[in-house]
Each structure stands twice: as C-alpha cells, then as structure tokens.
Amino acid sequence: MKYIRVKWKHSNPDEPVYLFSELSPNGVEMRKLECFRNGFCDFATTDASTGNAKLSTQPLPPLDKIAKDPEFEPVEITKEEFEDVWKKRRYTSH
C-alpha cells in the first residue's frame, strides 16, 4: 500500500483542502478522506462514503504528474500518518 496527502490550493469553502488516499499496489484508491478548512472530513471506502467523497475508479497518476498542476501539492506519507488522520477525522465533525 501507498499513502498520499494532496493539498488543494483554492478559495472555495465548499471544497476540501486536503485529500488523503490509501492506494493499492496498482494505484487504485482503497480509502480516502476529503478534509475541509473547518476540520470536518468526508470519507470513502469500498463499502461506504459520506458527503461527496468517492473513490477513484482508475489508478491515480504518479505524484510528479499531480504536482505539475499548480493547484495541487502532493506528498507521500506513512501508513501511520494516514491511520492517525483516518482515526481522528472519520468519526468527528470538528
């Protein structure tokens, strides 16, 4: 598994600013968090989702390709970092 965090630079309060994804070995999202400025996060798994969060049906592009878009700042994170955010944000609304 691979874990990434993507900062989405924009000013729309209705869109998330951080996207956290757990990726399978072939780059397909298995779990995802979409976190907003107020700290609330929607989530998506293969079994459930909240809000507008959905898993991508196609493998995500490599981080260097995502980084070519100036709106996005992608970085690979550890499993522990992902799990920490997953546990804290999936079940809270603050």
PDB file of N, CA and C in Angstrom:
ATOM      1  N   MET A   1       0.836  -1.187   0.000  1.00  0.00           N
ATOM      2  CA  MET A   1       0.000   0.000   0.000  1.00  0.00           C
ATOM      3  C   MET A   1       0.882   1.252   0.000  1.00  0.00           C
ATOM      4  N   LYS A   2       0.308   2.298  -0.556  1.00  0.00           N
ATOM      5  CA  LYS A   2       0.961   3.602  -0.594  1.00  0.00           C
ATOM      6  C   LYS A   2      -0.039   4.613  -0.041  1.00  0.00           C
ATOM      7  N   TYR A   3       0.474   5.636   0.606  1.00  0.00           N
ATOM      8  CA  TYR A   3      -0.380   6.635   1.238  1.00  0.00           C
ATOM      9  C   TYR A   3       0.061   8.022   0.782  1.00  0.00           C
ATOM     10  N   ILE A   4      -0.921   8.849   0.407  1.00  0.00           N
ATOM     11  CA  ILE A   4      -0.586  10.190  -0.066  1.00  0.00           C
ATOM     12  C   ILE A   4      -1.498  11.233   0.579  1.00  0.00           C
ATOM     13  N   ARG A   5      -0.972  12.440   0.634  1.00  0.00           N
ATOM     14  CA  ARG A   5      -1.743  13.613   1.050  1.00  0.00           C
ATOM     15  C   ARG A   5      -1.578  14.642  -0.054  1.00  0.00           C
ATOM     16  N   VAL A   6      -2.693  15.210  -0.488  1.00  0.00           N
ATOM     17  CA  VAL A   6      -2.653  16.233  -1.522  1.00  0.00           C
ATOM     18  C   VAL A   6      -3.309  17.491  -0.973  1.00  0.00           C
ATOM     19  N   LYS A   7      -2.554  18.575  -0.954  1.00  0.00           N
ATOM     20  CA  LYS A   7      -3.117  19.864  -0.579  1.00  0.00           C
ATOM     21  C   LYS A   7      -3.700  20.478  -1.844  1.00  0.00           C
ATOM     22  N   TRP A   8      -4.962  20.893  -1.759  1.00  0.00           N
ATOM     23  CA  TRP A   8      -5.650  21.502  -2.892  1.00  0.00           C
ATOM     24  C   TRP A   8      -5.771  22.986  -2.597  1.00  0.00           C
ATOM     25  N   LYS A   9      -5.047  23.796  -3.360  1.00  0.00           N
ATOM     26  CA  LYS A   9      -4.994  25.247  -3.128  1.00  0.00           C
ATOM     27  C   LYS A   9      -6.105  25.944  -3.903  1.00  0.00           C
ATOM     28  N   HIS A  10      -7.111  26.393  -3.161  1.00  0.00           N
ATOM     29  CA  HIS A  10      -8.247  27.110  -3.749  1.00  0.00           C
ATOM     30  C   HIS A  10      -8.937  27.903  -2.645  1.00  0.00           C
ATOM     31  N   SER A  11      -9.935  28.686  -3.006  1.00  0.00           N
ATOM     32  CA  SER A  11     -10.627  29.512  -2.011  1.00  0.00           C
ATOM     33  C   SER A  11     -12.099  29.138  -1.852  1.00  0.00           C
ATOM     34  N   ASN A  12     -12.550  28.059  -2.449  1.00  0.00           N
ATOM     35  CA  ASN A  12     -13.947  27.644  -2.353  1.00  0.00           C
ATOM     36  C   ASN A  12     -14.196  26.902  -1.032  1.00  0.00           C
ATOM     37  N   PRO A  13     -14.991  27.471  -0.114  1.00  0.00           N
ATOM     38  CA  PRO A  13     -15.212  26.821   1.179  1.00  0.00           C
ATOM     39  C   PRO A  13     -16.016  25.525   1.079  1.00  0.00           C
ATOM     40  N   ASP A  14     -16.631  25.271  -0.058  1.00  0.00           N
ATOM     41  CA  ASP A  14     -17.423  24.057  -0.234  1.00  0.00           C
ATOM     42  C   ASP A  14     -16.619  22.880  -0.766  1.00  0.00           C
ATOM     43  N   GLU A  15     -15.343  23.082  -0.986  1.00  0.00           N
ATOM     44  CA  GLU A  15     -14.475  22.017  -1.493  1.00  0.00           C
ATOM     45  C   GLU A  15     -13.401  21.685  -0.450  1.00  0.00           C
ATOM     46  N   PRO A  16     -12.958  20.435  -0.395  1.00  0.00           N
ATOM     47  CA  PRO A  16     -11.913  20.066   0.570  1.00  0.00           C
ATOM     48  C   PRO A  16     -10.571  20.708   0.227  1.00  0.00           C
ATOM     49  N   VAL A  17      -9.735  20.852   1.245  1.00  0.00           N
ATOM     50  CA  VAL A  17      -8.399  21.411   1.038  1.00  0.00           C
ATOM     51  C   VAL A  17      -7.295  20.359   1.187  1.00  0.00           C
ATOM     52  N   TYR A  18      -7.607  19.233   1.818  1.00  0.00           N
ATOM     53  CA  TYR A  18      -6.654  18.130   1.919  1.00  0.00           C
ATOM     54  C   TYR A  18      -7.352  16.836   1.513  1.00  0.00           C
ATOM     55  N   LEU A  19      -6.675  16.074   0.682  1.00  0.00           N
ATOM     56  CA  LEU A  19      -7.159  14.774   0.244  1.00  0.00           C
ATOM     57  C   LEU A  19      -6.140  13.738   0.703  1.00  0.00           C
ATOM     58  N   PHE A  20      -6.582  12.767   1.461  1.00  0.00           N
ATOM     59  CA  PHE A  20      -5.723  11.688   1.936  1.00  0.00           C
ATOM     60  C   PHE A  20      -6.201  10.405   1.279  1.00  0.00           C
ATOM     61  N   SER A  21      -5.288   9.650   0.678  1.00  0.00           N
ATOM     62  CA  SER A  21      -5.667   8.414  -0.005  1.00  0.00           C
ATOM     63  C   SER A  21      -4.757   7.263   0.376  1.00  0.00           C
ATOM     64  N   GLU A  22      -5.390   6.105   0.569  1.00  0.00           N
ATOM     65  CA  GLU A  22      -4.682   4.839   0.701  1.00  0.00           C
ATOM     66  C   GLU A  22      -4.799   4.170  -0.657  1.00  0.00           C
ATOM     67  N   LEU A  23      -3.658   3.852  -1.257  1.00  0.00           N
ATOM     68  CA  LEU A  23      -3.638   3.305  -2.615  1.00  0.00           C
ATOM     69  C   LEU A  23      -3.178   1.859  -2.623  1.00  0.00           C
ATOM     70  N   SER A  24      -3.838   1.054  -3.452  1.00  0.00           N
ATOM     71  CA  SER A  24      -3.409  -0.329  -3.649  1.00  0.00           C
ATOM     72  C   SER A  24      -2.075  -0.318  -4.410  1.00  0.00           C
ATOM     73  N   PRO A  25      -1.413  -1.470  -4.517  1.00  0.00           N
ATOM     74  CA  PRO A  25      -0.145  -1.512  -5.253  1.00  0.00           C
ATOM     75  C   PRO A  25      -0.251  -1.011  -6.696  1.00  0.00           C
ATOM     76  N   ASN A  26      -1.429  -1.107  -7.307  1.00  0.00           N
ATOM     77  CA  ASN A  26      -1.571  -0.613  -8.684  1.00  0.00           C
ATOM     78  C   ASN A  26      -2.126   0.816  -8.736  1.00  0.00           C
ATOM     79  N   GLY A  27      -2.190   1.504  -7.583  1.00  0.00           N
ATOM     80  CA  GLY A  27      -2.550   2.923  -7.568  1.00  0.00           C
ATOM     81  C   GLY A  27      -4.026   3.242  -7.455  1.00  0.00           C
ATOM     82  N   VAL A  28      -4.861   2.242  -7.186  1.00  0.00           N
ATOM     83  CA  VAL A  28      -6.298   2.470  -7.037  1.00  0.00           C
ATOM     84  C   VAL A  28      -6.601   2.823  -5.580  1.00  0.00           C
ATOM     85  N   GLU A  29      -7.467   3.819  -5.392  1.00  0.00           N
ATOM     86  CA  GLU A  29      -7.830   4.230  -4.032  1.00  0.00           C
ATOM     87  C   GLU A  29      -8.631   3.139  -3.324  1.00  0.00           C
ATOM     88  N   MET A  30      -8.237   2.876  -2.072  1.00  0.00           N
ATOM     89  CA  MET A  30      -8.941   1.905  -1.234  1.00  0.00           C
ATOM     90  C   MET A  30      -9.728   2.619  -0.128  1.00  0.00           C
ATOM     91  N   ARG A  31      -9.128   3.692   0.393  1.00  0.00           N
ATOM     92  CA  ARG A  31      -9.779   4.549   1.380  1.00  0.00           C
ATOM     93  C   ARG A  31      -9.363   5.975   1.078  1.00  0.00           C
ATOM     94  N   LYS A  32     -10.269   6.912   1.419  1.00  0.00           N
ATOM     95  CA  LYS A  32      -9.985   8.317   1.113  1.00  0.00           C
ATOM     96  C   LYS A  32     -10.661   9.209   2.140  1.00  0.00           C
ATOM     97  N   LEU A  33      -9.988  10.296   2.489  1.00  0.00           N
ATOM     98  CA  LEU A  33     -10.553  11.355   3.314  1.00  0.00           C
ATOM     99  C   LEU A  33     -10.469  12.654   2.532  1.00  0.00           C
ATOM    100  N   GLU A  34     -11.539  13.425   2.563  1.00  0.00           N
ATOM    101  CA  GLU A  34     -11.559  14.757   1.970  1.00  0.00           C
ATOM    102  C   GLU A  34     -11.816  15.734   3.117  1.00  0.00           C
ATOM    103  N   CYS A  35     -10.794  16.497   3.495  1.00  0.00           N
ATOM    104  CA  CYS A  35     -10.866  17.346   4.682  1.00  0.00           C
ATOM    105  C   CYS A  35     -11.007  18.816   4.306  1.00  0.00           C
ATOM    106  N   PHE A  36     -11.911  19.474   5.003  1.00  0.00           N
ATOM    107  CA  PHE A  36     -12.261  20.866   4.726  1.00  0.00           C
ATOM    108  C   PHE A  36     -11.554  21.813   5.682  1.00  0.00           C
ATOM    109  N   ARG A  37     -11.613  23.104   5.385  1.00  0.00           N
ATOM    110  CA  ARG A  37     -10.966  24.124   6.198  1.00  0.00           C
ATOM    111  C   ARG A  37     -11.398  24.078   7.667  1.00  0.00           C
ATOM    112  N   ASN A  38     -12.656  23.730   7.904  1.00  0.00           N
ATOM    113  CA  ASN A  38     -13.166  23.705   9.277  1.00  0.00           C
ATOM    114  C   ASN A  38     -12.767  22.443  10.039  1.00  0.00           C
ATOM    115  N   GLY A  39     -12.014  21.546   9.400  1.00  0.00           N
ATOM    116  CA  GLY A  39     -11.551  20.334  10.059  1.00  0.00           C
ATOM    117  C   GLY A  39     -12.427  19.122   9.825  1.00  0.00           C
ATOM    118  N   PHE A  40     -13.635  19.316   9.289  1.00  0.00           N
ATOM    119  CA  PHE A  40     -14.514  18.188   9.000  1.00  0.00           C
ATOM    120  C   PHE A  40     -13.977  17.421   7.794  1.00  0.00           C
ATOM    121  N   CYS A  41     -14.122  16.102   7.840  1.00  0.00           N
ATOM    122  CA  CYS A  41     -13.670  15.270   6.731  1.00  0.00           C
ATOM    123  C   CYS A  41     -14.768  14.308   6.304  1.00  0.00           C
ATOM    124  N   ASP A  42     -15.041  14.263   5.020  1.00  0.00           N
ATOM    125  CA  ASP A  42     -15.851  13.197   4.449  1.00  0.00           C
ATOM    126  C   ASP A  42     -14.914  12.040   4.146  1.00  0.00           C
ATOM    127  N   PHE A  43     -15.480  10.826   4.071  1.00  0.00           N
ATOM    128  CA  PHE A  43     -14.644   9.667   3.768  1.00  0.00           C
ATOM    129  C   PHE A  43     -15.295   8.792   2.727  1.00  0.00           C
ATOM    130  N   ALA A  44     -14.469   7.960   2.120  1.00  0.00           N
ATOM    131  CA  ALA A  44     -14.956   6.943   1.188  1.00  0.00           C
ATOM    132  C   ALA A  44     -14.119   5.683   1.374  1.00  0.00           C
ATOM    133  N   THR A  45     -14.815   4.553   1.357  1.00  0.00           N
ATOM    134  CA  THR A  45     -14.169   3.244   1.366  1.00  0.00           C
ATOM    135  C   THR A  45     -14.812   2.434   0.237  1.00  0.00           C
ATOM    136  N   THR A  46     -14.387   1.192   0.095  1.00  0.00           N
ATOM    137  CA  THR A  46     -15.008   0.345  -0.924  1.00  0.00           C
ATOM    138  C   THR A  46     -16.439  -0.015  -0.538  1.00  0.00           C
ATOM    139  N   ASP A  47     -16.821   0.198   0.724  1.00  0.00           N
ATOM    140  CA  ASP A  47     -18.153  -0.177   1.204  1.00  0.00           C
ATOM    141  C   ASP A  47     -19.077   0.986   1.539  1.00  0.00           C
ATOM    142  N   ALA A  48     -18.529   2.164   1.821  1.00  0.00           N
ATOM    143  CA  ALA A  48     -19.356   3.283   2.289  1.00  0.00           C
ATOM    144  C   ALA A  48     -18.695   4.608   1.962  1.00  0.00           C
ATOM    145  N   SER A  49     -19.492   5.692   2.046  1.00  0.00           N
ATOM    146  CA  SER A  49     -18.933   7.032   1.858  1.00  0.00           C
ATOM    147  C   SER A  49     -19.864   8.047   2.488  1.00  0.00           C
ATOM    148  N   THR A  50     -19.331   9.244   2.730  1.00  0.00           N
ATOM    149  CA  THR A  50     -20.118  10.358   3.249  1.00  0.00           C
ATOM    150  C   THR A  50     -19.930  11.553   2.330  1.00  0.00           C
ATOM    151  N   GLY A  51     -20.903  12.460   2.360  1.00  0.00           N
ATOM    152  CA  GLY A  51     -20.802  13.664   1.542  1.00  0.00           C
ATOM    153  C   GLY A  51     -20.601  13.322   0.079  1.00  0.00           C
ATOM    154  N   ASN A  52     -19.710  14.071  -0.559  1.00  0.00           N
ATOM    155  CA  ASN A  52     -19.401  13.846  -1.974  1.00  0.00           C
ATOM    156  C   ASN A  52     -18.162  12.991  -2.187  1.00  0.00           C
ATOM    157  N   ALA A  53     -17.585  12.465  -1.115  1.00  0.00           N
ATOM    158  CA  ALA A  53     -16.357  11.672  -1.238  1.00  0.00           C
ATOM    159  C   ALA A  53     -16.643  10.375  -1.997  1.00  0.00           C
ATOM    160  N   LYS A  54     -15.791  10.115  -2.969  1.00  0.00           N
ATOM    161  CA  LYS A  54     -15.887   8.881  -3.755  1.00  0.00           C
ATOM    162  C   LYS A  54     -14.474   8.415  -4.083  1.00  0.00           C
ATOM    163  N   LEU A  55     -14.315   7.109  -4.158  1.00  0.00           N
ATOM    164  CA  LEU A  55     -13.037   6.557  -4.577  1.00  0.00           C
ATOM    165  C   LEU A  55     -12.916   6.673  -6.087  1.00  0.00           C
ATOM    166  N   SER A  56     -11.704   6.928  -6.546  1.00  0.00           N
ATOM    167  CA  SER A  56     -11.442   6.942  -7.979  1.00  0.00           C
ATOM    168  C   SER A  56     -11.561   5.516  -8.514  1.00  0.00           C
ATOM    169  N   THR A  57     -12.117   5.371  -9.694  1.00  0.00           N
ATOM    170  CA  THR A  57     -12.236   4.041 -10.299  1.00  0.00           C
ATOM    171  C   THR A  57     -11.016   3.682 -11.140  1.00  0.00           C
ATOM    172  N   GLN A  58     -10.160   4.660 -11.364  1.00  0.00           N
ATOM    173  CA  GLN A  58      -8.937   4.455 -12.147  1.00  0.00           C
ATOM    174  C   GLN A  58      -7.718   4.674 -11.243  1.00  0.00           C
ATOM    175  N   PRO A  59      -6.588   4.071 -11.557  1.00  0.00           N
ATOM    176  CA  PRO A  59      -5.379   4.343 -10.785  1.00  0.00           C
ATOM    177  C   PRO A  59      -5.044   5.837 -10.817  1.00  0.00           C
ATOM    178  N   LEU A  60      -4.588   6.370  -9.682  1.00  0.00           N
ATOM    179  CA  LEU A  60      -4.191   7.768  -9.647  1.00  0.00           C
ATOM    180  C   LEU A  60      -2.877   7.948 -10.396  1.00  0.00           C
ATOM    181  N   PRO A  61      -2.661   9.118 -10.975  1.00  0.00           N
ATOM    182  CA  PRO A  61      -1.383   9.370 -11.652  1.00  0.00           C
ATOM    183  C   PRO A  61      -0.248   9.458 -10.627  1.00  0.00           C
ATOM    184  N   PRO A  62       0.985   9.328 -11.080  1.00  0.00           N
ATOM    185  CA  PRO A  62       2.135   9.477 -10.177  1.00  0.00           C
ATOM    186  C   PRO A  62       2.142  10.870  -9.545  1.00  0.00           C
ATOM    187  N   LEU A  63       2.749  10.972  -8.362  1.00  0.00           N
ATOM    188  CA  LEU A  63       2.780  12.249  -7.640  1.00  0.00           C
ATOM    189  C   LEU A  63       3.415  13.363  -8.452  1.00  0.00           C
ATOM    190  N   ASP A  64       4.456  13.055  -9.221  1.00  0.00           N
ATOM    191  CA  ASP A  64       5.104  14.117 -10.001  1.00  0.00           C
ATOM    192  C   ASP A  64       4.171  14.675 -11.071  1.00  0.00           C
ATOM    193  N   LYS A  65       3.290  13.839 -11.584  1.00  0.00           N
ATOM    194  CA  LYS A  65       2.317  14.314 -12.573  1.00  0.00           C
ATOM    195  C   LYS A  65       1.248  15.172 -11.885  1.00  0.00           C
ATOM    196  N   ILE A  66       0.777  14.765 -10.724  1.00  0.00           N
ATOM    197  CA  ILE A  66      -0.191  15.566  -9.968  1.00  0.00           C
ATOM    198  C   ILE A  66       0.419  16.929  -9.629  1.00  0.00           C
ATOM    199  N   ALA A  67       1.690  16.934  -9.264  1.00  0.00           N
ATOM    200  CA  ALA A  67       2.377  18.163  -8.848  1.00  0.00           C
ATOM    201  C   ALA A  67       2.547  19.165  -9.988  1.00  0.00           C
ATOM    202  N   LYS A  68       2.397  18.731 -11.214  1.00  0.00           N
ATOM    203  CA  LYS A  68       2.525  19.663 -12.341  1.00  0.00           C
ATOM    204  C   LYS A  68       1.378  20.669 -12.379  1.00  0.00           C
ATOM    205  N   ASP A  69       0.261  20.328 -11.756  1.00  0.00           N
ATOM    206  CA  ASP A  69      -0.852  21.267 -11.648  1.00  0.00           C
ATOM    207  C   ASP A  69      -0.583  22.158 -10.436  1.00  0.00           C
ATOM    208  N   PRO A  70      -0.459  23.479 -10.614  1.00  0.00           N
ATOM    209  CA  PRO A  70      -0.105  24.356  -9.502  1.00  0.00           C
ATOM    210  C   PRO A  70      -1.142  24.407  -8.381  1.00  0.00           C
ATOM    211  N   GLU A  71      -2.344  23.902  -8.613  1.00  0.00           N
ATOM    212  CA  GLU A  71      -3.356  23.870  -7.554  1.00  0.00           C
ATOM    213  C   GLU A  71      -3.102  22.766  -6.539  1.00  0.00           C
ATOM    214  N   PHE A  72      -2.247  21.803  -6.873  1.00  0.00           N
ATOM    215  CA  PHE A  72      -2.066  20.633  -6.016  1.00  0.00           C
ATOM    216  C   PHE A  72      -0.632  20.490  -5.518  1.00  0.00           C
ATOM    217  N   GLU A  73      -0.509  20.124  -4.240  1.00  0.00           N
ATOM    218  CA  GLU A  73       0.785  19.818  -3.624  1.00  0.00           C
ATOM    219  C   GLU A  73       0.697  18.399  -3.058  1.00  0.00           C
ATOM    220  N   PRO A  74       1.108  17.389  -3.819  1.00  0.00           N
ATOM    221  CA  PRO A  74       1.048  16.015  -3.330  1.00  0.00           C
ATOM    222  C   PRO A  74       2.324  15.605  -2.600  1.00  0.00           C
ATOM    223  N   VAL A  75       2.158  14.727  -1.620  1.00  0.00           N
ATOM    224  CA  VAL A  75       3.305  14.187  -0.912  1.00  0.00           C
ATOM    225  C   VAL A  75       2.946  12.780  -0.430  1.00  0.00           C
ATOM    226  N   GLU A  76       3.932  11.881  -0.484  1.00  0.00           N
ATOM    227  CA  GLU A  76       3.724  10.548   0.069  1.00  0.00           C
ATOM    228  C   GLU A  76       3.878  10.638   1.579  1.00  0.00           C
ATOM    229  N   ILE A  77       2.980   9.970   2.298  1.00  0.00           N
ATOM    230  CA  ILE A  77       3.032   9.955   3.761  1.00  0.00           C
ATOM    231  C   ILE A  77       3.133   8.505   4.229  1.00  0.00           C
ATOM    232  N   THR A  78       3.386   8.319   5.510  1.00  0.00           N
ATOM    233  CA  THR A  78       3.489   6.967   6.051  1.00  0.00           C
ATOM    234  C   THR A  78       2.101   6.403   6.344  1.00  0.00           C
ATOM    235  N   LYS A  79       2.041   5.099   6.485  1.00  0.00           N
ATOM    236  CA  LYS A  79       0.792   4.444   6.872  1.00  0.00           C
ATOM    237  C   LYS A  79       0.324   5.001   8.214  1.00  0.00           C
ATOM    238  N   GLU A  80       1.254   5.212   9.135  1.00  0.00           N
ATOM    239  CA  GLU A  80       0.910   5.723  10.455  1.00  0.00           C
ATOM    240  C   GLU A  80       0.277   7.111  10.378  1.00  0.00           C
ATOM    241  N   GLU A  81       0.815   7.968   9.518  1.00  0.00           N
ATOM    242  CA  GLU A  81       0.238   9.300   9.345  1.00  0.00           C
ATOM    243  C   GLU A  81      -1.189   9.195   8.804  1.00  0.00           C
ATOM    244  N   PHE A  82      -1.374   8.334   7.811  1.00  0.00           N
ATOM    245  CA  PHE A  82      -2.710   8.151   7.245  1.00  0.00           C
ATOM    246  C   PHE A  82      -3.669   7.626   8.306  1.00  0.00           C
ATOM    247  N   GLU A  83      -3.266   6.596   9.027  1.00  0.00           N
ATOM    248  CA  GLU A  83      -4.145   5.990  10.036  1.00  0.00           C
ATOM    249  C   GLU A  83      -4.495   6.986  11.140  1.00  0.00           C
ATOM    250  N   ASP A  84      -3.547   7.833  11.509  1.00  0.00           N
ATOM    251  CA  ASP A  84      -3.806   8.840  12.530  1.00  0.00           C
ATOM    252  C   ASP A  84      -4.918   9.787  12.076  1.00  0.00           C
ATOM    253  N   VAL A  85      -4.824  10.282  10.850  1.00  0.00           N
ATOM    254  CA  VAL A  85      -5.858  11.173  10.315  1.00  0.00           C
ATOM    255  C   VAL A  85      -7.168  10.410  10.167  1.00  0.00           C
ATOM    256  N   TRP A  86      -7.105   9.187   9.683  1.00  0.00           N
ATOM    257  CA  TRP A  86      -8.308   8.377   9.485  1.00  0.00           C
ATOM    258  C   TRP A  86      -9.071   8.210  10.802  1.00  0.00           C
ATOM    259  N   LYS A  87      -8.346   7.854  11.851  1.00  0.00           N
ATOM    260  CA  LYS A  87      -8.998   7.627  13.151  1.00  0.00           C
ATOM    261  C   LYS A  87      -9.549   8.914  13.742  1.00  0.00           C
ATOM    262  N   LYS A  88      -8.804   9.987  13.642  1.00  0.00           N
ATOM    263  CA  LYS A  88      -9.233  11.247  14.257  1.00  0.00           C
ATOM    264  C   LYS A  88     -10.359  11.915  13.482  1.00  0.00           C
ATOM    265  N   ARG A  89     -10.318  11.876  12.191  1.00  0.00           N
ATOM    266  CA  ARG A  89     -11.244  12.674  11.367  1.00  0.00           C
ATOM    267  C   ARG A  89     -12.458  11.918  10.871  1.00  0.00           C
ATOM    268  N   ARG A  90     -12.371  10.627  10.742  1.00  0.00           N
ATOM    269  CA  ARG A  90     -13.503   9.898  10.165  1.00  0.00           C
ATOM    270  C   ARG A  90     -14.741   9.988  11.051  1.00  0.00           C
ATOM    271  N   TYR A  91     -14.554  10.037  12.345  1.00  0.00           N
ATOM    272  CA  TYR A  91     -15.697   9.966  13.246  1.00  0.00           C
ATOM    273  C   TYR A  91     -16.006  11.267  13.964  1.00  0.00           C
ATOM    274  N   THR A  92     -15.367  12.362  13.573  1.00  0.00           N
ATOM    275  CA  THR A  92     -15.631  13.640  14.231  1.00  0.00           C
ATOM    276  C   THR A  92     -16.129  14.651  13.226  1.00  0.00           C
ATOM    277  N   SER A  93     -16.784  15.666  13.732  1.00  0.00           N
ATOM    278  CA  SER A  93     -17.283  16.720  12.847  1.00  0.00           C
ATOM    279  C   SER A  93     -16.598  18.051  13.129  1.00  0.00           C
ATOM    280  N   HIS A  94     -15.544  18.040  13.923  1.00  0.00           N
ATOM    281  CA  HIS A  94     -14.810  19.287  14.229  1.00  0.00           C
ATOM    282  C   HIS A  94     -13.400  19.162  13.719  1.00  0.00           C
TER     283      HIS A  94
END
